[in-house]
Amino acid sequence: MNFRPTTLERAFALAKTGEYDGVNDLKIQLKAEGFAVQQVEGRTLIRQLRDLCIASRKDKPPEEQTPS
């Protein structure tokens, strides 16, 4: 049995990688992976994802960070 995460699970997983500058970048990747980006909405959710992207980029060593 194959397990496919929900759109929100995948959004949080992507945000934790430190590879995305913000929610717009996450949405582009989610859409490319076939997820419904319409589910990524709402002020609180957007703030959580944005803050997680920022925190994850800070935790990443500088040589692994992609230029913004």
PDB file of N, CA and C in Angstrom:
ATOM      1  N   MET A   1       0.840  -1.181   0.000  1.00  0.00           N
ATOM      2  CA  MET A   1       0.000   0.000   0.000  1.00  0.00           C
ATOM      3  C   MET A   1       0.888   1.250   0.000  1.00  0.00           C
ATOM      4  N   ASN A   2       0.632   2.148  -0.922  1.00  0.00           N
ATOM      5  CA  ASN A   2       1.388   3.391  -1.014  1.00  0.00           C
ATOM      6  C   ASN A   2       0.741   4.457  -0.147  1.00  0.00           C
ATOM      7  N   PHE A   3       1.560   5.175   0.579  1.00  0.00           N
ATOM      8  CA  PHE A   3       1.081   6.270   1.412  1.00  0.00           C
ATOM      9  C   PHE A   3       1.422   7.588   0.746  1.00  0.00           C
ATOM     10  N   ARG A   4       0.430   8.397   0.504  1.00  0.00           N
ATOM     11  CA  ARG A   4       0.651   9.726  -0.058  1.00  0.00           C
ATOM     12  C   ARG A   4       0.229  10.735   1.010  1.00  0.00           C
ATOM     13  N   PRO A   5       1.133  11.634   1.374  1.00  0.00           N
ATOM     14  CA  PRO A   5       0.781  12.626   2.402  1.00  0.00           C
ATOM     15  C   PRO A   5      -0.285  13.582   1.883  1.00  0.00           C
ATOM     16  N   THR A   6      -0.973  14.217   2.809  1.00  0.00           N
ATOM     17  CA  THR A   6      -1.935  15.244   2.418  1.00  0.00           C
ATOM     18  C   THR A   6      -1.168  16.475   1.942  1.00  0.00           C
ATOM     19  N   THR A   7      -1.872  17.393   1.332  1.00  0.00           N
ATOM     20  CA  THR A   7      -1.240  18.624   0.862  1.00  0.00           C
ATOM     21  C   THR A   7      -0.578  19.369   2.011  1.00  0.00           C
ATOM     22  N   LEU A   8      -1.252  19.459   3.143  1.00  0.00           N
ATOM     23  CA  LEU A   8      -0.691  20.195   4.275  1.00  0.00           C
ATOM     24  C   LEU A   8       0.506  19.483   4.878  1.00  0.00           C
ATOM     25  N   GLU A   9       0.452  18.159   4.956  1.00  0.00           N
ATOM     26  CA  GLU A   9       1.616  17.410   5.449  1.00  0.00           C
ATOM     27  C   GLU A   9       2.824  17.652   4.556  1.00  0.00           C
ATOM     28  N   ARG A  10       2.605  17.615   3.257  1.00  0.00           N
ATOM     29  CA  ARG A  10       3.707  17.824   2.323  1.00  0.00           C
ATOM     30  C   ARG A  10       4.226  19.258   2.400  1.00  0.00           C
ATOM     31  N   ALA A  11       3.322  20.230   2.565  1.00  0.00           N
ATOM     32  CA  ALA A  11       3.732  21.628   2.674  1.00  0.00           C
ATOM     33  C   ALA A  11       4.650  21.822   3.885  1.00  0.00           C
ATOM     34  N   PHE A  12       4.290  21.245   5.019  1.00  0.00           N
ATOM     35  CA  PHE A  12       5.122  21.369   6.214  1.00  0.00           C
ATOM     36  C   PHE A  12       6.449  20.629   6.039  1.00  0.00           C
ATOM     37  N   ALA A  13       6.420  19.486   5.392  1.00  0.00           N
ATOM     38  CA  ALA A  13       7.660  18.735   5.150  1.00  0.00           C
ATOM     39  C   ALA A  13       8.606  19.540   4.259  1.00  0.00           C
ATOM     40  N   LEU A  14       8.068  20.159   3.218  1.00  0.00           N
ATOM     41  CA  LEU A  14       8.890  20.979   2.328  1.00  0.00           C
ATOM     42  C   LEU A  14       9.447  22.195   3.068  1.00  0.00           C
ATOM     43  N   ALA A  15       8.616  22.828   3.880  1.00  0.00           N
ATOM     44  CA  ALA A  15       9.060  24.012   4.624  1.00  0.00           C
ATOM     45  C   ALA A  15      10.220  23.670   5.562  1.00  0.00           C
ATOM     46  N   LYS A  16      10.191  22.481   6.135  1.00  0.00           N
ATOM     47  CA  LYS A  16      11.236  22.059   7.076  1.00  0.00           C
ATOM     48  C   LYS A  16      12.577  21.790   6.403  1.00  0.00           C
ATOM     49  N   THR A  17      12.594  21.645   5.088  1.00  0.00           N
ATOM     50  CA  THR A  17      13.853  21.337   4.396  1.00  0.00           C
ATOM     51  C   THR A  17      14.799  22.527   4.369  1.00  0.00           C
ATOM     52  N   GLY A  18      14.280  23.738   4.496  1.00  0.00           N
ATOM     53  CA  GLY A  18      15.115  24.924   4.421  1.00  0.00           C
ATOM     54  C   GLY A  18      15.464  25.318   2.997  1.00  0.00           C
ATOM     55  N   GLU A  19      14.833  24.704   2.025  1.00  0.00           N
ATOM     56  CA  GLU A  19      15.142  24.969   0.617  1.00  0.00           C
ATOM     57  C   GLU A  19      14.204  25.985  -0.033  1.00  0.00           C
ATOM     58  N   TYR A  20      13.222  26.454   0.714  1.00  0.00           N
ATOM     59  CA  TYR A  20      12.220  27.344   0.133  1.00  0.00           C
ATOM     60  C   TYR A  20      12.210  28.670   0.871  1.00  0.00           C
ATOM     61  N   ASP A  21      12.141  29.764   0.107  1.00  0.00           N
ATOM     62  CA  ASP A  21      12.161  31.096   0.692  1.00  0.00           C
ATOM     63  C   ASP A  21      10.831  31.483   1.327  1.00  0.00           C
ATOM     64  N   GLY A  22       9.751  30.917   0.840  1.00  0.00           N
ATOM     65  CA  GLY A  22       8.448  31.296   1.372  1.00  0.00           C
ATOM     66  C   GLY A  22       7.335  30.430   0.817  1.00  0.00           C
ATOM     67  N   VAL A  23       6.129  30.832   1.136  1.00  0.00           N
ATOM     68  CA  VAL A  23       4.944  30.042   0.798  1.00  0.00           C
ATOM     69  C   VAL A  23       4.717  29.968  -0.711  1.00  0.00           C
ATOM     70  N   ASN A  24       5.013  31.023  -1.436  1.00  0.00           N
ATOM     71  CA  ASN A  24       4.833  30.973  -2.895  1.00  0.00           C
ATOM     72  C   ASN A  24       5.712  29.887  -3.512  1.00  0.00           C
ATOM     73  N   ASP A  25       6.950  29.784  -3.047  1.00  0.00           N
ATOM     74  CA  ASP A  25       7.839  28.727  -3.539  1.00  0.00           C
ATOM     75  C   ASP A  25       7.307  27.344  -3.176  1.00  0.00           C
ATOM     76  N   LEU A  26       6.755  27.240  -1.965  1.00  0.00           N
ATOM     77  CA  LEU A  26       6.161  25.959  -1.554  1.00  0.00           C
ATOM     78  C   LEU A  26       4.999  25.587  -2.473  1.00  0.00           C
ATOM     79  N   LYS A  27       4.155  26.561  -2.764  1.00  0.00           N
ATOM     80  CA  LYS A  27       2.988  26.300  -3.620  1.00  0.00           C
ATOM     81  C   LYS A  27       3.411  25.854  -5.018  1.00  0.00           C
ATOM     82  N   ILE A  28       4.463  26.458  -5.544  1.00  0.00           N
ATOM     83  CA  ILE A  28       4.957  26.060  -6.865  1.00  0.00           C
ATOM     84  C   ILE A  28       5.386  24.599  -6.840  1.00  0.00           C
ATOM     85  N   GLN A  29       6.127  24.215  -5.795  1.00  0.00           N
ATOM     86  CA  GLN A  29       6.591  22.834  -5.686  1.00  0.00           C
ATOM     87  C   GLN A  29       5.425  21.874  -5.466  1.00  0.00           C
ATOM     88  N   LEU A  30       4.488  22.250  -4.606  1.00  0.00           N
ATOM     89  CA  LEU A  30       3.317  21.402  -4.360  1.00  0.00           C
ATOM     90  C   LEU A  30       2.545  21.154  -5.653  1.00  0.00           C
ATOM     91  N   LYS A  31       2.333  22.211  -6.427  1.00  0.00           N
ATOM     92  CA  LYS A  31       1.613  22.080  -7.695  1.00  0.00           C
ATOM     93  C   LYS A  31       2.376  21.168  -8.648  1.00  0.00           C
ATOM     94  N   ALA A  32       3.700  21.315  -8.691  1.00  0.00           N
ATOM     95  CA  ALA A  32       4.525  20.467  -9.556  1.00  0.00           C
ATOM     96  C   ALA A  32       4.416  18.991  -9.161  1.00  0.00           C
ATOM     97  N   GLU A  33       4.179  18.752  -7.874  1.00  0.00           N
ATOM     98  CA  GLU A  33       4.043  17.380  -7.380  1.00  0.00           C
ATOM     99  C   GLU A  33       2.608  16.870  -7.453  1.00  0.00           C
ATOM    100  N   GLY A  34       1.689  17.692  -7.954  1.00  0.00           N
ATOM    101  CA  GLY A  34       0.310  17.258  -8.145  1.00  0.00           C
ATOM    102  C   GLY A  34      -0.605  17.457  -6.951  1.00  0.00           C
ATOM    103  N   PHE A  35      -0.200  18.304  -6.019  1.00  0.00           N
ATOM    104  CA  PHE A  35      -1.041  18.570  -4.853  1.00  0.00           C
ATOM    105  C   PHE A  35      -1.963  19.750  -5.127  1.00  0.00           C
ATOM    106  N   ALA A  36      -3.074  19.810  -4.400  1.00  0.00           N
ATOM    107  CA  ALA A  36      -4.060  20.881  -4.548  1.00  0.00           C
ATOM    108  C   ALA A  36      -3.631  22.078  -3.703  1.00  0.00           C
ATOM    109  N   VAL A  37      -3.062  23.088  -4.342  1.00  0.00           N
ATOM    110  CA  VAL A  37      -2.544  24.240  -3.601  1.00  0.00           C
ATOM    111  C   VAL A  37      -3.652  25.115  -3.021  1.00  0.00           C
ATOM    112  N   GLN A  38      -4.888  24.903  -3.427  1.00  0.00           N
ATOM    113  CA  GLN A  38      -6.007  25.669  -2.884  1.00  0.00           C
ATOM    114  C   GLN A  38      -6.175  25.412  -1.384  1.00  0.00           C
ATOM    115  N   GLN A  39      -5.647  24.291  -0.910  1.00  0.00           N
ATOM    116  CA  GLN A  39      -5.762  23.963   0.510  1.00  0.00           C
ATOM    117  C   GLN A  39      -4.784  24.766   1.365  1.00  0.00           C
ATOM    118  N   VAL A  40      -3.799  25.382   0.729  1.00  0.00           N
ATOM    119  CA  VAL A  40      -2.803  26.169   1.461  1.00  0.00           C
ATOM    120  C   VAL A  40      -3.285  27.612   1.468  1.00  0.00           C
ATOM    121  N   GLU A  41      -4.159  27.909   2.421  1.00  0.00           N
ATOM    122  CA  GLU A  41      -4.702  29.259   2.538  1.00  0.00           C
ATOM    123  C   GLU A  41      -5.052  29.533   3.994  1.00  0.00           C
ATOM    124  N   GLY A  42      -5.275  30.772   4.270  1.00  0.00           N
ATOM    125  CA  GLY A  42      -5.602  31.179   5.634  1.00  0.00           C
ATOM    126  C   GLY A  42      -4.405  31.836   6.293  1.00  0.00           C
ATOM    127  N   ARG A  43      -4.675  32.903   6.993  1.00  0.00           N
ATOM    128  CA  ARG A  43      -3.627  33.713   7.591  1.00  0.00           C
ATOM    129  C   ARG A  43      -2.729  32.926   8.547  1.00  0.00           C
ATOM    130  N   THR A  44      -3.321  32.131   9.407  1.00  0.00           N
ATOM    131  CA  THR A  44      -2.536  31.394  10.402  1.00  0.00           C
ATOM    132  C   THR A  44      -1.660  30.336   9.746  1.00  0.00           C
ATOM    133  N   LEU A  45      -2.211  29.599   8.810  1.00  0.00           N
ATOM    134  CA  LEU A  45      -1.445  28.560   8.122  1.00  0.00           C
ATOM    135  C   LEU A  45      -0.291  29.174   7.325  1.00  0.00           C
ATOM    136  N   ILE A  46      -0.572  30.235   6.599  1.00  0.00           N
ATOM    137  CA  ILE A  46       0.469  30.895   5.808  1.00  0.00           C
ATOM    138  C   ILE A  46       1.584  31.383   6.723  1.00  0.00           C
ATOM    139  N   ARG A  47       1.218  31.968   7.862  1.00  0.00           N
ATOM    140  CA  ARG A  47       2.218  32.456   8.805  1.00  0.00           C
ATOM    141  C   ARG A  47       3.066  31.305   9.345  1.00  0.00           C
ATOM    142  N   GLN A  48       2.423  30.195   9.690  1.00  0.00           N
ATOM    143  CA  GLN A  48       3.156  29.030  10.203  1.00  0.00           C
ATOM    144  C   GLN A  48       4.160  28.511   9.172  1.00  0.00           C
ATOM    145  N   LEU A  49       3.730  28.389   7.940  1.00  0.00           N
ATOM    146  CA  LEU A  49       4.614  27.884   6.891  1.00  0.00           C
ATOM    147  C   LEU A  49       5.750  28.857   6.607  1.00  0.00           C
ATOM    148  N   ARG A  50       5.432  30.146   6.546  1.00  0.00           N
ATOM    149  CA  ARG A  50       6.460  31.162   6.297  1.00  0.00           C
ATOM    150  C   ARG A  50       7.503  31.151   7.419  1.00  0.00           C
ATOM    151  N   ASP A  51       7.043  31.117   8.656  1.00  0.00           N
ATOM    152  CA  ASP A  51       7.961  31.109   9.795  1.00  0.00           C
ATOM    153  C   ASP A  51       8.824  29.849   9.807  1.00  0.00           C
ATOM    154  N   LEU A  52       8.241  28.727   9.424  1.00  0.00           N
ATOM    155  CA  LEU A  52       8.995  27.477   9.373  1.00  0.00           C
ATOM    156  C   LEU A  52      10.045  27.519   8.267  1.00  0.00           C
ATOM    157  N   CYS A  53       9.714  28.098   7.132  1.00  0.00           N
ATOM    158  CA  CYS A  53      10.693  28.264   6.046  1.00  0.00           C
ATOM    159  C   CYS A  53      11.870  29.101   6.527  1.00  0.00           C
ATOM    160  N   ILE A  54      11.563  30.205   7.194  1.00  0.00           N
ATOM    161  CA  ILE A  54      12.617  31.105   7.673  1.00  0.00           C
ATOM    162  C   ILE A  54      13.485  30.411   8.711  1.00  0.00           C
ATOM    163  N   ALA A  55      12.862  29.761   9.682  1.00  0.00           N
ATOM    164  CA  ALA A  55      13.610  29.083  10.741  1.00  0.00           C
ATOM    165  C   ALA A  55      14.461  27.954  10.175  1.00  0.00           C
ATOM    166  N   SER A  56      13.935  27.227   9.227  1.00  0.00           N
ATOM    167  CA  SER A  56      14.672  26.105   8.643  1.00  0.00           C
ATOM    168  C   SER A  56      15.859  26.580   7.824  1.00  0.00           C
ATOM    169  N   ARG A  57      15.722  27.722   7.162  1.00  0.00           N
ATOM    170  CA  ARG A  57      16.853  28.284   6.399  1.00  0.00           C
ATOM    171  C   ARG A  57      17.946  28.745   7.350  1.00  0.00           C
ATOM    172  N   LYS A  58      17.572  29.298   8.496  1.00  0.00           N
ATOM    173  CA  LYS A  58      18.550  29.756   9.481  1.00  0.00           C
ATOM    174  C   LYS A  58      19.324  28.586  10.073  1.00  0.00           C
ATOM    175  N   ASP A  59      18.651  27.435  10.223  1.00  0.00           N
ATOM    176  CA  ASP A  59      19.276  26.255  10.811  1.00  0.00           C
ATOM    177  C   ASP A  59      20.213  25.552   9.846  1.00  0.00           C
ATOM    178  N   LYS A  60      20.096  25.866   8.570  1.00  0.00           N
ATOM    179  CA  LYS A  60      20.891  25.208   7.544  1.00  0.00           C
ATOM    180  C   LYS A  60      22.271  25.862   7.461  1.00  0.00           C
ATOM    181  N   PRO A  61      23.339  25.082   7.381  1.00  0.00           N
ATOM    182  CA  PRO A  61      24.672  25.676   7.237  1.00  0.00           C
ATOM    183  C   PRO A  61      24.735  26.558   5.984  1.00  0.00           C
ATOM    184  N   PRO A  62      25.492  27.661   6.034  1.00  0.00           N
ATOM    185  CA  PRO A  62      25.537  28.595   4.894  1.00  0.00           C
ATOM    186  C   PRO A  62      25.914  27.954   3.573  1.00  0.00           C
ATOM    187  N   GLU A  63      26.804  26.975   3.582  1.00  0.00           N
ATOM    188  CA  GLU A  63      27.215  26.369   2.311  1.00  0.00           C
ATOM    189  C   GLU A  63      26.094  25.540   1.668  1.00  0.00           C
ATOM    190  N   GLU A  64      25.071  25.187   2.459  1.00  0.00           N
ATOM    191  CA  GLU A  64      23.942  24.414   1.922  1.00  0.00           C
ATOM    192  C   GLU A  64      22.773  25.288   1.530  1.00  0.00           C
ATOM    193  N   GLN A  65      22.810  26.564   1.875  1.00  0.00           N
ATOM    194  CA  GLN A  65      21.704  27.460   1.556  1.00  0.00           C
ATOM    195  C   GLN A  65      21.773  27.870   0.099  1.00  0.00           C
ATOM    196  N   THR A  66      20.593  27.931  -0.516  1.00  0.00           N
ATOM    197  CA  THR A  66      20.532  28.407  -1.888  1.00  0.00           C
ATOM    198  C   THR A  66      20.390  29.930  -1.846  1.00  0.00           C
ATOM    199  N   PRO A  67      20.967  30.626  -2.795  1.00  0.00           N
ATOM    200  CA  PRO A  67      20.851  32.084  -2.793  1.00  0.00           C
ATOM    201  C   PRO A  67      19.408  32.513  -2.938  1.00  0.00           C
ATOM    202  N   SER A  68      19.013  33.557  -2.242  1.00  0.00           N
ATOM    203  CA  SER A  68      17.625  34.054  -2.301  1.00  0.00           C
ATOM    204  C   SER A  68      17.425  34.948  -3.496  1.00  0.00           C
TER     205      SER A  68
END
